[in-house]
């Protein structure tokens, strides 16, 4: 894809106007009364900048941000154009179908159920893993009026021989089942 000749001519005129003799001295080469140097420069511009055909603002950016110290060659001009800020491309709007909405509702319901069904604030007391938990349950057994639920859990553990009546941990929970402590 090539840049239109009309655009190339405007770029060259702008560069000649800004850099004057520096531009002409760098690119002009006359043979048989034809400036083949400028023609070659225009051809290179048209080919190298063809990708900017759909992004003229990048060429405008390059023309506004030319170096002040020297006249750029085609590759330098292309590099400046590549630095142009990109236009925001609008995202394709997604409109969920009724089927999508129903599937999302079911998935959210399933996720909520999975999380809420397994929440047990008394889990660490129901499945003690250490003597510290057994000690705490034993203390709550001594004051059942203050810690009624914990005292009931202690009594169940004594009945199931998980904790001795003196508060010693006999079996601990390893995450999968009971094992001797």
N, C-alpha and C. Protein backbone atom coordinates (compact mmCIF):
# COMPACT_ATOMS: atom_id res chain seq x y z
N UNK A 1 0.85 -1.17 0.00
CA UNK A 1 0.00 0.00 0.00
C UNK A 1 0.91 1.24 0.00
N UNK A 2 0.56 2.15 -0.85
CA UNK A 2 1.34 3.38 -0.98
C UNK A 2 0.56 4.56 -0.42
N UNK A 3 1.30 5.54 0.00
CA UNK A 3 0.70 6.80 0.41
C UNK A 3 0.33 7.57 -0.86
N UNK A 4 -0.81 8.23 -0.91
CA UNK A 4 -1.19 8.96 -2.12
C UNK A 4 -0.15 10.04 -2.48
N UNK A 5 0.05 10.23 -3.77
CA UNK A 5 1.04 11.21 -4.24
C UNK A 5 0.74 12.61 -3.72
N UNK A 6 -0.53 12.94 -3.59
CA UNK A 6 -0.93 14.26 -3.10
C UNK A 6 -0.37 14.48 -1.68
N UNK A 7 -0.45 13.45 -0.84
CA UNK A 7 0.06 13.53 0.53
C UNK A 7 1.58 13.65 0.51
N UNK A 8 2.22 12.84 -0.32
CA UNK A 8 3.69 12.85 -0.40
C UNK A 8 4.18 14.24 -0.81
N UNK A 9 3.53 14.83 -1.83
CA UNK A 9 3.93 16.17 -2.27
C UNK A 9 3.78 17.19 -1.16
N UNK A 10 2.71 17.10 -0.36
CA UNK A 10 2.52 18.03 0.76
C UNK A 10 3.62 17.86 1.81
N UNK A 11 4.00 16.59 2.09
CA UNK A 11 5.07 16.34 3.07
C UNK A 11 6.37 16.95 2.57
N UNK A 12 6.70 16.74 1.30
CA UNK A 12 7.95 17.26 0.73
C UNK A 12 7.94 18.79 0.76
N UNK A 13 6.82 19.40 0.39
CA UNK A 13 6.74 20.87 0.44
C UNK A 13 6.96 21.38 1.86
N UNK A 14 6.39 20.69 2.84
CA UNK A 14 6.55 21.09 4.25
C UNK A 14 8.02 20.97 4.67
N UNK A 15 8.65 19.86 4.30
CA UNK A 15 10.07 19.66 4.65
C UNK A 15 10.95 20.71 3.97
N UNK A 16 10.67 21.02 2.69
CA UNK A 16 11.44 22.05 1.99
C UNK A 16 11.25 23.41 2.66
N UNK A 17 10.02 23.68 3.06
CA UNK A 17 9.75 24.97 3.70
C UNK A 17 10.44 25.11 5.05
N UNK A 18 10.51 24.02 5.80
CA UNK A 18 11.12 24.07 7.14
C UNK A 18 12.63 24.05 7.06
N UNK A 19 13.18 23.13 6.26
CA UNK A 19 14.63 22.93 6.25
C UNK A 19 15.35 23.65 5.11
N UNK A 20 14.62 24.12 4.10
CA UNK A 20 15.21 24.90 3.01
C UNK A 20 16.39 24.23 2.34
N UNK A 21 17.53 24.93 2.34
CA UNK A 21 18.74 24.47 1.66
C UNK A 21 19.24 23.14 2.23
N UNK A 22 19.03 22.93 3.54
CA UNK A 22 19.47 21.66 4.15
C UNK A 22 18.75 20.48 3.49
N UNK A 23 17.44 20.63 3.23
CA UNK A 23 16.68 19.57 2.58
C UNK A 23 17.14 19.40 1.13
N UNK A 24 17.22 20.50 0.41
CA UNK A 24 17.60 20.44 -1.01
C UNK A 24 19.00 19.87 -1.17
N UNK A 25 19.93 20.33 -0.35
CA UNK A 25 21.30 19.82 -0.43
C UNK A 25 21.39 18.35 -0.11
N UNK A 26 20.54 17.86 0.78
CA UNK A 26 20.59 16.46 1.20
C UNK A 26 19.96 15.53 0.16
N UNK A 27 18.86 15.96 -0.50
CA UNK A 27 18.10 15.04 -1.35
C UNK A 27 18.11 15.38 -2.84
N UNK A 28 18.38 16.59 -3.20
CA UNK A 28 18.30 16.98 -4.61
C UNK A 28 19.48 16.45 -5.41
N UNK A 29 19.17 15.83 -6.57
CA UNK A 29 20.20 15.36 -7.50
C UNK A 29 19.59 15.48 -8.89
N UNK A 30 20.07 16.42 -9.65
CA UNK A 30 19.48 16.71 -10.95
C UNK A 30 20.26 15.99 -12.04
N UNK A 31 19.52 15.27 -12.89
CA UNK A 31 20.05 14.60 -14.08
C UNK A 31 19.08 14.85 -15.21
N UNK A 32 19.60 15.31 -16.33
CA UNK A 32 18.78 15.59 -17.53
C UNK A 32 17.61 16.49 -17.19
N UNK A 33 17.88 17.52 -16.43
CA UNK A 33 16.90 18.52 -16.00
C UNK A 33 15.76 17.95 -15.15
N UNK A 34 15.97 16.75 -14.58
CA UNK A 34 14.99 16.13 -13.69
C UNK A 34 15.66 15.91 -12.33
N UNK A 35 14.94 16.27 -11.27
CA UNK A 35 15.48 16.09 -9.92
C UNK A 35 15.18 14.65 -9.48
N UNK A 36 16.09 13.73 -9.79
CA UNK A 36 15.86 12.32 -9.44
C UNK A 36 16.04 12.07 -7.95
N UNK A 37 16.80 12.92 -7.28
CA UNK A 37 16.98 12.77 -5.84
C UNK A 37 15.67 12.99 -5.08
N UNK A 38 14.98 14.09 -5.40
CA UNK A 38 13.69 14.38 -4.76
C UNK A 38 12.66 13.32 -5.18
N UNK A 39 12.69 12.91 -6.45
CA UNK A 39 11.75 11.88 -6.93
C UNK A 39 11.97 10.57 -6.16
N UNK A 40 13.22 10.22 -5.92
CA UNK A 40 13.55 9.01 -5.14
C UNK A 40 13.06 9.15 -3.70
N UNK A 41 13.26 10.34 -3.12
CA UNK A 41 12.79 10.60 -1.76
C UNK A 41 11.28 10.44 -1.69
N UNK A 42 10.56 11.00 -2.68
CA UNK A 42 9.10 10.90 -2.71
C UNK A 42 8.66 9.44 -2.83
N UNK A 43 9.33 8.68 -3.67
CA UNK A 43 9.00 7.27 -3.85
C UNK A 43 9.19 6.49 -2.54
N UNK A 44 10.30 6.76 -1.87
CA UNK A 44 10.56 6.09 -0.58
C UNK A 44 9.50 6.48 0.44
N UNK A 45 9.14 7.76 0.49
CA UNK A 45 8.09 8.21 1.41
C UNK A 45 6.78 7.47 1.12
N UNK A 46 6.40 7.41 -0.14
CA UNK A 46 5.13 6.79 -0.52
C UNK A 46 5.10 5.33 -0.10
N UNK A 47 6.20 4.63 -0.28
CA UNK A 47 6.24 3.21 0.08
C UNK A 47 6.34 2.98 1.58
N UNK A 48 7.23 3.71 2.24
CA UNK A 48 7.44 3.51 3.68
C UNK A 48 6.26 3.97 4.53
N UNK A 49 5.58 5.01 4.11
CA UNK A 49 4.49 5.57 4.93
C UNK A 49 3.12 5.07 4.48
N UNK A 50 3.09 4.09 3.59
CA UNK A 50 1.81 3.57 3.10
C UNK A 50 0.92 3.04 4.21
N UNK A 51 1.51 2.52 5.25
CA UNK A 51 0.73 2.00 6.38
C UNK A 51 -0.01 3.07 7.15
N UNK A 52 0.35 4.33 6.91
CA UNK A 52 -0.32 5.44 7.60
C UNK A 52 -1.47 6.02 6.78
N UNK A 53 -1.82 5.36 5.70
CA UNK A 53 -2.90 5.85 4.84
C UNK A 53 -4.21 5.98 5.63
N UNK A 54 -4.44 5.04 6.55
CA UNK A 54 -5.65 5.08 7.38
C UNK A 54 -5.45 5.89 8.66
N UNK A 55 -4.25 6.43 8.86
CA UNK A 55 -3.94 7.18 10.07
C UNK A 55 -3.23 8.49 9.72
N UNK A 56 -3.90 9.38 9.03
CA UNK A 56 -3.24 10.63 8.63
C UNK A 56 -2.79 11.48 9.81
N UNK A 57 -3.44 11.27 10.97
CA UNK A 57 -3.04 12.04 12.15
C UNK A 57 -1.61 11.72 12.57
N UNK A 58 -1.12 10.52 12.25
CA UNK A 58 0.27 10.16 12.57
C UNK A 58 1.24 10.95 11.71
N UNK A 59 0.89 11.18 10.46
CA UNK A 59 1.75 12.00 9.59
C UNK A 59 1.73 13.44 10.07
N UNK A 60 0.57 13.93 10.46
CA UNK A 60 0.47 15.28 11.02
C UNK A 60 1.32 15.41 12.28
N UNK A 61 1.28 14.37 13.11
CA UNK A 61 2.09 14.36 14.33
C UNK A 61 3.58 14.45 13.98
N UNK A 62 4.00 13.66 12.98
CA UNK A 62 5.41 13.67 12.58
C UNK A 62 5.81 15.05 12.07
N UNK A 63 4.95 15.70 11.30
CA UNK A 63 5.28 17.03 10.77
C UNK A 63 5.35 18.08 11.88
N UNK A 64 4.58 17.89 12.93
CA UNK A 64 4.61 18.84 14.05
C UNK A 64 5.77 18.57 15.00
N UNK A 65 6.38 17.38 14.91
CA UNK A 65 7.44 16.99 15.84
C UNK A 65 8.75 16.68 15.13
N UNK A 66 9.05 17.44 14.09
CA UNK A 66 10.29 17.24 13.33
C UNK A 66 11.49 17.67 14.17
N UNK A 67 12.65 17.04 13.95
CA UNK A 67 13.84 17.45 14.69
C UNK A 67 14.25 18.88 14.30
N UNK A 68 14.79 19.60 15.24
CA UNK A 68 15.21 20.98 14.96
C UNK A 68 16.66 21.05 14.52
N UNK A 69 17.40 19.98 14.73
CA UNK A 69 18.83 20.01 14.44
C UNK A 69 19.19 19.55 13.04
N UNK A 70 18.35 18.73 12.42
CA UNK A 70 18.68 18.21 11.09
C UNK A 70 17.42 17.81 10.34
N UNK A 71 17.54 17.70 9.04
CA UNK A 71 16.44 17.26 8.19
C UNK A 71 16.37 15.74 8.27
N UNK A 72 15.21 15.17 8.62
CA UNK A 72 15.13 13.72 8.78
C UNK A 72 15.10 12.98 7.44
N UNK A 73 15.63 11.77 7.46
CA UNK A 73 15.47 10.91 6.28
C UNK A 73 14.13 10.19 6.41
N UNK A 74 13.81 9.34 5.45
CA UNK A 74 12.51 8.67 5.43
C UNK A 74 12.32 7.79 6.67
N UNK A 75 13.35 7.06 7.06
CA UNK A 75 13.23 6.18 8.23
C UNK A 75 13.02 6.97 9.51
N UNK A 76 13.70 8.10 9.65
CA UNK A 76 13.50 8.94 10.85
C UNK A 76 12.09 9.51 10.87
N UNK A 77 11.61 9.95 9.69
CA UNK A 77 10.25 10.49 9.61
C UNK A 77 9.23 9.40 10.00
N UNK A 78 9.44 8.19 9.51
CA UNK A 78 8.55 7.06 9.84
C UNK A 78 8.58 6.77 11.34
N UNK A 79 9.77 6.83 11.94
CA UNK A 79 9.89 6.57 13.38
C UNK A 79 9.13 7.62 14.19
N UNK A 80 9.18 8.88 13.74
CA UNK A 80 8.43 9.94 14.45
C UNK A 80 6.93 9.69 14.30
N UNK A 81 6.49 9.30 13.11
CA UNK A 81 5.06 9.02 12.89
C UNK A 81 4.61 7.84 13.76
N UNK A 82 5.49 6.87 13.96
CA UNK A 82 5.14 5.72 14.81
C UNK A 82 4.92 6.12 16.26
N UNK A 83 5.47 7.26 16.67
CA UNK A 83 5.30 7.71 18.06
C UNK A 83 3.98 8.44 18.29
N UNK A 84 3.23 8.66 17.23
CA UNK A 84 1.96 9.38 17.36
C UNK A 84 1.02 8.63 18.30
N UNK A 85 0.31 9.37 19.15
CA UNK A 85 -0.67 8.70 20.04
C UNK A 85 -1.72 7.98 19.21
N UNK A 86 -2.07 6.80 19.65
CA UNK A 86 -3.07 5.99 18.95
C UNK A 86 -4.46 6.47 19.29
N UNK A 87 -5.32 6.45 18.28
CA UNK A 87 -6.72 6.80 18.52
C UNK A 87 -7.38 5.68 19.29
N UNK A 88 -8.27 6.04 20.18
CA UNK A 88 -9.02 5.02 20.91
C UNK A 88 -9.99 4.36 19.94
N UNK A 89 -9.87 3.06 19.84
CA UNK A 89 -10.78 2.31 19.00
C UNK A 89 -11.96 1.89 19.86
N UNK A 90 -13.16 2.26 19.47
CA UNK A 90 -14.29 1.89 20.30
C UNK A 90 -14.45 0.37 20.33
N UNK A 91 -14.71 -0.13 21.52
CA UNK A 91 -14.90 -1.57 21.69
C UNK A 91 -16.23 -1.98 21.09
N UNK A 92 -16.30 -3.20 20.65
CA UNK A 92 -17.56 -3.73 20.13
C UNK A 92 -18.47 -3.94 21.32
N UNK A 93 -19.63 -3.36 21.24
CA UNK A 93 -20.56 -3.47 22.36
C UNK A 93 -21.14 -4.88 22.43
N UNK A 94 -21.11 -5.44 23.61
CA UNK A 94 -21.63 -6.79 23.82
C UNK A 94 -22.99 -6.68 24.46
N UNK A 95 -23.97 -7.27 23.81
CA UNK A 95 -25.32 -7.31 24.37
C UNK A 95 -25.65 -8.78 24.62
N UNK A 96 -25.68 -9.17 25.89
CA UNK A 96 -25.94 -10.58 26.20
C UNK A 96 -27.35 -11.00 25.79
N UNK A 97 -27.44 -12.21 25.31
CA UNK A 97 -28.74 -12.75 24.94
C UNK A 97 -29.45 -13.24 26.21
N UNK A 98 -30.70 -13.58 26.05
CA UNK A 98 -31.47 -14.10 27.19
C UNK A 98 -30.83 -15.39 27.69
N UNK A 99 -30.31 -16.19 26.76
CA UNK A 99 -29.65 -17.45 27.13
C UNK A 99 -28.37 -17.16 27.94
N UNK A 100 -27.60 -16.15 27.53
CA UNK A 100 -26.39 -15.76 28.27
C UNK A 100 -26.74 -15.30 29.68
N UNK A 101 -27.77 -14.49 29.78
CA UNK A 101 -28.17 -13.99 31.10
C UNK A 101 -28.62 -15.12 32.02
N UNK A 102 -29.36 -16.07 31.47
CA UNK A 102 -29.82 -17.20 32.27
C UNK A 102 -28.65 -18.07 32.72
N UNK A 103 -27.69 -18.33 31.79
CA UNK A 103 -26.51 -19.12 32.15
C UNK A 103 -25.70 -18.41 33.23
N UNK A 104 -25.51 -17.10 33.10
CA UNK A 104 -24.78 -16.34 34.12
C UNK A 104 -25.48 -16.37 35.47
N UNK A 105 -26.82 -16.29 35.45
CA UNK A 105 -27.58 -16.34 36.70
C UNK A 105 -27.39 -17.69 37.38
N UNK A 106 -27.46 -18.78 36.58
CA UNK A 106 -27.28 -20.13 37.15
C UNK A 106 -25.87 -20.30 37.71
N UNK A 107 -24.88 -19.80 36.98
CA UNK A 107 -23.50 -19.93 37.46
C UNK A 107 -23.29 -19.14 38.75
N UNK A 108 -23.86 -17.94 38.85
CA UNK A 108 -23.73 -17.14 40.07
C UNK A 108 -24.44 -17.82 41.24
N UNK A 109 -25.58 -18.38 40.96
CA UNK A 109 -26.34 -19.10 42.00
C UNK A 109 -25.54 -20.31 42.49
N UNK A 110 -24.96 -21.03 41.54
CA UNK A 110 -24.16 -22.22 41.89
C UNK A 110 -22.93 -21.83 42.71
N UNK A 111 -22.26 -20.75 42.33
CA UNK A 111 -21.08 -20.29 43.06
C UNK A 111 -21.45 -19.83 44.46
N UNK A 112 -22.55 -19.12 44.58
CA UNK A 112 -23.00 -18.65 45.89
C UNK A 112 -23.33 -19.83 46.79
N UNK A 113 -24.02 -20.81 46.23
CA UNK A 113 -24.40 -21.99 47.01
C UNK A 113 -23.15 -22.76 47.46
N UNK A 114 -22.17 -22.87 46.58
CA UNK A 114 -20.93 -23.59 46.91
C UNK A 114 -20.20 -22.92 48.06
N UNK A 115 -20.22 -21.62 48.09
CA UNK A 115 -19.50 -20.89 49.14
C UNK A 115 -20.28 -20.88 50.45
N UNK A 116 -21.56 -20.63 50.38
CA UNK A 116 -22.34 -20.47 51.61
C UNK A 116 -22.67 -21.80 52.28
N UNK A 117 -22.71 -22.89 51.54
CA UNK A 117 -23.03 -24.17 52.17
C UNK A 117 -21.89 -24.70 53.03
N UNK A 118 -20.68 -24.24 52.82
CA UNK A 118 -19.54 -24.80 53.54
C UNK A 118 -19.00 -23.88 54.63
N UNK A 119 -19.67 -22.80 54.89
CA UNK A 119 -19.20 -21.88 55.91
C UNK A 119 -19.72 -22.34 57.26
N UNK A 120 -18.81 -22.67 58.15
CA UNK A 120 -19.18 -23.10 59.49
C UNK A 120 -18.26 -22.37 60.47
N UNK A 121 -18.75 -21.37 61.16
CA UNK A 121 -17.89 -20.61 62.07
C UNK A 121 -17.36 -21.45 63.23
N UNK A 122 -17.97 -22.59 63.48
CA UNK A 122 -17.55 -23.44 64.59
C UNK A 122 -16.66 -24.60 64.10
N UNK A 123 -16.26 -24.56 62.83
CA UNK A 123 -15.51 -25.66 62.24
C UNK A 123 -14.25 -26.03 63.03
N UNK A 124 -13.47 -25.02 63.42
CA UNK A 124 -12.22 -25.34 64.13
C UNK A 124 -12.49 -25.99 65.49
N UNK A 125 -13.68 -25.75 66.07
CA UNK A 125 -14.01 -26.37 67.36
C UNK A 125 -14.56 -27.77 67.16
N UNK A 126 -15.26 -27.98 66.05
CA UNK A 126 -15.85 -29.28 65.76
C UNK A 126 -14.79 -30.30 65.32
N UNK A 127 -13.69 -29.81 64.79
CA UNK A 127 -12.62 -30.69 64.30
C UNK A 127 -11.28 -30.19 64.83
N UNK A 128 -11.03 -30.39 66.12
CA UNK A 128 -9.78 -29.87 66.70
C UNK A 128 -8.54 -30.52 66.10
N UNK A 129 -7.53 -29.69 65.87
CA UNK A 129 -6.27 -30.18 65.29
C UNK A 129 -5.12 -30.11 66.30
N UNK A 130 -5.36 -29.47 67.45
CA UNK A 130 -4.25 -29.32 68.39
C UNK A 130 -4.77 -29.36 69.83
N UNK A 131 -3.84 -29.52 70.74
CA UNK A 131 -4.16 -29.55 72.17
C UNK A 131 -4.65 -28.18 72.62
N UNK A 132 -4.22 -27.14 71.98
CA UNK A 132 -4.66 -25.78 72.36
C UNK A 132 -6.18 -25.66 72.21
N UNK A 133 -6.71 -26.19 71.10
CA UNK A 133 -8.16 -26.16 70.89
C UNK A 133 -8.85 -27.01 71.97
N UNK A 134 -8.27 -28.17 72.27
CA UNK A 134 -8.86 -29.04 73.31
C UNK A 134 -8.86 -28.33 74.66
N UNK A 135 -7.78 -27.60 74.97
CA UNK A 135 -7.71 -26.84 76.23
C UNK A 135 -8.80 -25.78 76.28
N UNK A 136 -9.00 -25.09 75.19
CA UNK A 136 -10.01 -24.04 75.14
C UNK A 136 -11.41 -24.64 75.32
N UNK A 137 -11.66 -25.78 74.67
CA UNK A 137 -12.96 -26.45 74.82
C UNK A 137 -13.16 -26.93 76.26
N UNK A 138 -12.09 -27.44 76.89
CA UNK A 138 -12.17 -27.90 78.28
C UNK A 138 -12.51 -26.73 79.20
N UNK A 139 -11.87 -25.57 78.96
CA UNK A 139 -12.17 -24.38 79.77
C UNK A 139 -13.63 -23.95 79.59
N UNK A 140 -14.12 -24.03 78.36
CA UNK A 140 -15.51 -23.64 78.12
C UNK A 140 -16.47 -24.62 78.80
N UNK A 141 -16.05 -25.88 78.95
CA UNK A 141 -16.86 -26.88 79.64
C UNK A 141 -16.99 -26.53 81.12
N UNK A 142 -15.94 -25.90 81.66
CA UNK A 142 -15.99 -25.52 83.08
C UNK A 142 -16.94 -24.35 83.30
N UNK A 143 -17.19 -23.53 82.28
CA UNK A 143 -18.10 -22.38 82.37
C UNK A 143 -19.18 -22.49 81.28
N UNK A 144 -20.04 -23.46 81.37
CA UNK A 144 -21.02 -23.66 80.29
C UNK A 144 -22.00 -22.50 80.13
N UNK A 145 -22.19 -21.70 81.17
CA UNK A 145 -23.12 -20.58 81.03
C UNK A 145 -22.56 -19.50 80.10
N UNK A 146 -21.23 -19.37 80.05
CA UNK A 146 -20.60 -18.36 79.19
C UNK A 146 -20.38 -18.88 77.77
N UNK A 147 -20.06 -20.16 77.64
CA UNK A 147 -19.71 -20.73 76.34
C UNK A 147 -20.55 -21.97 76.08
N UNK A 148 -21.85 -21.81 76.00
CA UNK A 148 -22.77 -22.94 75.89
C UNK A 148 -22.48 -23.80 74.66
N UNK A 149 -22.30 -23.18 73.47
CA UNK A 149 -22.07 -23.98 72.26
C UNK A 149 -20.76 -24.75 72.36
N UNK A 150 -19.73 -24.12 72.87
CA UNK A 150 -18.44 -24.79 72.98
C UNK A 150 -18.50 -25.92 74.02
N UNK A 151 -19.24 -25.70 75.07
CA UNK A 151 -19.41 -26.75 76.09
C UNK A 151 -20.12 -27.95 75.49
N UNK A 152 -21.13 -27.71 74.64
CA UNK A 152 -21.85 -28.82 73.99
C UNK A 152 -20.91 -29.56 73.04
N UNK A 153 -20.07 -28.84 72.32
CA UNK A 153 -19.11 -29.48 71.41
C UNK A 153 -18.13 -30.32 72.22
N UNK A 154 -17.67 -29.81 73.38
CA UNK A 154 -16.76 -30.57 74.22
C UNK A 154 -17.42 -31.88 74.66
N UNK A 155 -18.67 -31.80 75.08
CA UNK A 155 -19.39 -33.01 75.53
C UNK A 155 -19.50 -34.04 74.40
N UNK A 156 -19.74 -33.59 73.18
CA UNK A 156 -19.81 -34.53 72.04
C UNK A 156 -18.44 -35.16 71.79
N UNK A 157 -17.38 -34.37 71.90
CA UNK A 157 -16.03 -34.92 71.69
C UNK A 157 -15.69 -35.95 72.77
N UNK A 158 -16.12 -35.70 73.98
CA UNK A 158 -15.87 -36.69 75.06
C UNK A 158 -16.65 -37.97 74.74
N UNK A 159 -17.91 -37.82 74.30
CA UNK A 159 -18.74 -39.00 73.98
C UNK A 159 -18.14 -39.78 72.81
N UNK A 160 -17.52 -39.09 71.86
CA UNK A 160 -16.93 -39.76 70.68
C UNK A 160 -15.46 -40.12 70.89
N UNK A 161 -14.97 -39.89 72.09
CA UNK A 161 -13.58 -40.20 72.46
C UNK A 161 -12.55 -39.45 71.61
N UNK A 162 -12.89 -38.21 71.27
CA UNK A 162 -11.94 -37.34 70.58
C UNK A 162 -11.11 -36.60 71.64
N UNK A 163 -11.76 -36.21 72.73
CA UNK A 163 -11.10 -35.55 73.86
C UNK A 163 -11.48 -36.31 75.12
N UNK A 164 -10.49 -36.45 76.02
CA UNK A 164 -10.77 -37.15 77.29
C UNK A 164 -11.57 -36.20 78.19
N UNK A 165 -12.24 -36.76 79.23
CA UNK A 165 -12.99 -35.90 80.16
C UNK A 165 -12.09 -34.89 80.87
N UNK A 166 -10.77 -35.17 80.92
CA UNK A 166 -9.82 -34.23 81.55
C UNK A 166 -9.32 -33.16 80.59
N UNK A 167 -9.75 -33.23 79.29
CA UNK A 167 -9.36 -32.21 78.31
C UNK A 167 -8.16 -32.58 77.46
N UNK A 168 -7.72 -33.85 77.50
CA UNK A 168 -6.57 -34.25 76.68
C UNK A 168 -7.07 -34.65 75.29
N UNK A 169 -6.39 -34.13 74.27
CA UNK A 169 -6.76 -34.46 72.89
C UNK A 169 -6.34 -35.89 72.58
N UNK A 170 -7.31 -36.76 72.26
CA UNK A 170 -7.04 -38.16 71.95
C UNK A 170 -6.92 -38.39 70.44
N UNK A 171 -7.76 -37.73 69.69
CA UNK A 171 -7.74 -37.82 68.22
C UNK A 171 -7.80 -36.41 67.66
N UNK A 172 -7.00 -36.17 66.60
CA UNK A 172 -7.04 -34.85 65.98
C UNK A 172 -7.48 -34.99 64.52
N UNK A 173 -8.04 -33.93 64.01
CA UNK A 173 -8.53 -33.91 62.64
C UNK A 173 -7.38 -33.56 61.71
N UNK A 174 -7.11 -34.37 60.67
CA UNK A 174 -6.00 -34.10 59.76
C UNK A 174 -6.47 -33.51 58.43
N UNK A 175 -7.72 -33.13 58.34
CA UNK A 175 -8.25 -32.56 57.11
C UNK A 175 -9.09 -33.56 56.35
N UNK A 176 -8.81 -34.84 56.53
CA UNK A 176 -9.57 -35.88 55.85
C UNK A 176 -10.30 -36.79 56.82
N UNK A 177 -9.76 -36.92 58.02
CA UNK A 177 -10.37 -37.79 58.99
C UNK A 177 -9.65 -37.67 60.33
N UNK A 178 -10.08 -38.47 61.29
CA UNK A 178 -9.51 -38.44 62.63
C UNK A 178 -8.29 -39.36 62.68
N UNK A 179 -7.29 -38.93 63.41
CA UNK A 179 -6.11 -39.77 63.65
C UNK A 179 -5.70 -39.61 65.10
N UNK A 180 -4.99 -40.59 65.63
CA UNK A 180 -4.55 -40.51 67.03
C UNK A 180 -3.64 -39.31 67.21
N UNK A 181 -3.85 -38.62 68.30
CA UNK A 181 -3.06 -37.42 68.58
C UNK A 181 -1.69 -37.79 69.14
